[in-house]
Amino acid sequence: FTTGEKETRAWTIREGAKAPEAAGVIHTDFAKGFIRAETIGYEDFVKTGSQSAAREKGLLRSEGKEYIVKEGDVIEFRFNV
């Protein structure tokens, strides 16, 4: 899902997709300029209440281009175009 002030949207990625491929489903620029994926599991995200709280507790991971996205991952894609 992506979410903003105006809409929340679901995105379908194939099982076994690496992080840049998953990012590219949202926008091709995300895949082209992929730097890393800041990732946390959904359950840990809910328990901590926010991405910043998860970071403070050491639960936020920085994953690279070879990371295989898992069901329930909450990801912020870092990219540069």
Protein backbone atom coordinates (compact mmCIF):
# COMPACT_ATOMS: atom_id res chain seq x y z
CA PHE A 1 0.00 0.00 0.00
CA THR A 2 0.97 3.60 -0.44
CA THR A 3 -0.89 6.22 1.48
CA GLY A 4 -1.13 9.97 1.43
CA GLU A 5 -3.58 12.70 2.29
CA LYS A 6 -5.82 12.05 -0.73
CA GLU A 7 -5.64 8.29 -1.26
CA THR A 8 -4.41 4.90 -0.15
CA ARG A 9 -3.54 2.44 -2.88
CA ALA A 10 -2.66 -1.26 -3.00
CA TRP A 11 0.17 -2.49 -5.24
CA THR A 12 0.63 -6.06 -6.43
CA ILE A 13 4.15 -7.42 -6.71
CA ARG A 14 5.19 -10.91 -7.72
CA GLU A 15 6.32 -13.33 -5.05
CA GLY A 16 10.12 -13.32 -4.86
CA ALA A 17 10.46 -9.74 -6.15
CA LYS A 18 13.62 -7.91 -5.14
CA ALA A 19 13.33 -4.44 -3.64
CA PRO A 20 14.07 -2.44 -6.84
CA GLU A 21 11.45 -4.42 -8.76
CA ALA A 22 8.86 -3.80 -6.03
CA ALA A 23 9.76 -0.10 -6.01
CA GLY A 24 9.32 0.00 -9.79
CA VAL A 25 5.74 -1.21 -9.50
CA ILE A 26 4.92 2.03 -7.69
CA HIS A 27 6.92 4.24 -10.08
CA THR A 28 9.61 3.44 -12.64
CA ASP A 29 11.83 6.23 -11.25
CA PHE A 30 11.90 4.38 -7.92
CA ALA A 31 13.48 1.37 -9.63
CA LYS A 32 15.86 3.38 -11.84
CA GLY A 33 17.27 5.42 -8.96
CA PHE A 34 16.97 2.79 -6.21
CA ILE A 35 19.37 3.36 -3.32
CA ARG A 36 17.96 1.24 -0.51
CA ALA A 37 14.76 0.06 1.17
CA GLU A 38 14.21 1.01 4.80
CA THR A 39 12.19 -1.96 5.99
CA ILE A 40 10.28 -3.10 9.05
CA GLY A 41 7.84 -5.97 9.52
CA TYR A 42 4.19 -4.96 9.89
CA GLU A 43 3.80 -6.42 13.40
CA ASP A 44 6.87 -4.53 14.66
CA PHE A 45 5.59 -1.37 12.98
CA VAL A 46 2.23 -1.66 14.75
CA LYS A 47 3.87 -2.44 18.11
CA THR A 48 6.17 0.59 17.94
CA GLY A 49 3.55 2.91 16.47
CA SER A 50 5.77 4.69 13.94
CA GLN A 51 8.78 4.33 11.69
CA SER A 52 10.84 6.69 13.84
CA ALA A 53 10.03 4.69 17.01
CA ALA A 54 11.00 1.50 15.19
CA ARG A 55 14.30 3.13 14.18
CA GLU A 56 14.99 4.13 17.80
CA LYS A 57 14.41 0.52 18.93
CA GLY A 58 16.71 -0.83 16.21
CA LEU A 59 13.93 -2.60 14.32
CA LEU A 60 14.24 -0.66 11.06
CA ARG A 61 16.55 -2.39 8.57
CA SER A 62 18.36 -0.89 5.60
CA GLU A 63 18.12 -3.38 2.73
CA GLY A 64 19.88 -3.29 -0.63
CA LYS A 65 19.14 -4.27 -4.23
CA GLU A 66 19.20 -8.01 -3.54
CA TYR A 67 16.59 -7.91 -0.74
CA ILE A 68 13.57 -10.09 -1.48
CA VAL A 69 10.40 -8.34 -0.32
CA LYS A 70 8.33 -10.33 2.16
CA GLU A 71 4.61 -10.31 2.89
CA GLY A 72 3.91 -7.67 5.53
CA ASP A 73 7.01 -5.55 4.91
CA VAL A 74 6.56 -1.84 5.51
CA ILE A 75 9.08 -0.15 3.23
CA GLU A 76 10.24 3.37 2.54
CA PHE A 77 12.15 3.33 -0.74
CA ARG A 78 15.16 5.66 -0.95
CA PHE A 79 15.96 6.70 -4.50
CA ASN A 80 17.64 9.40 -6.55
CA VAL A 81 16.86 10.30 -10.15
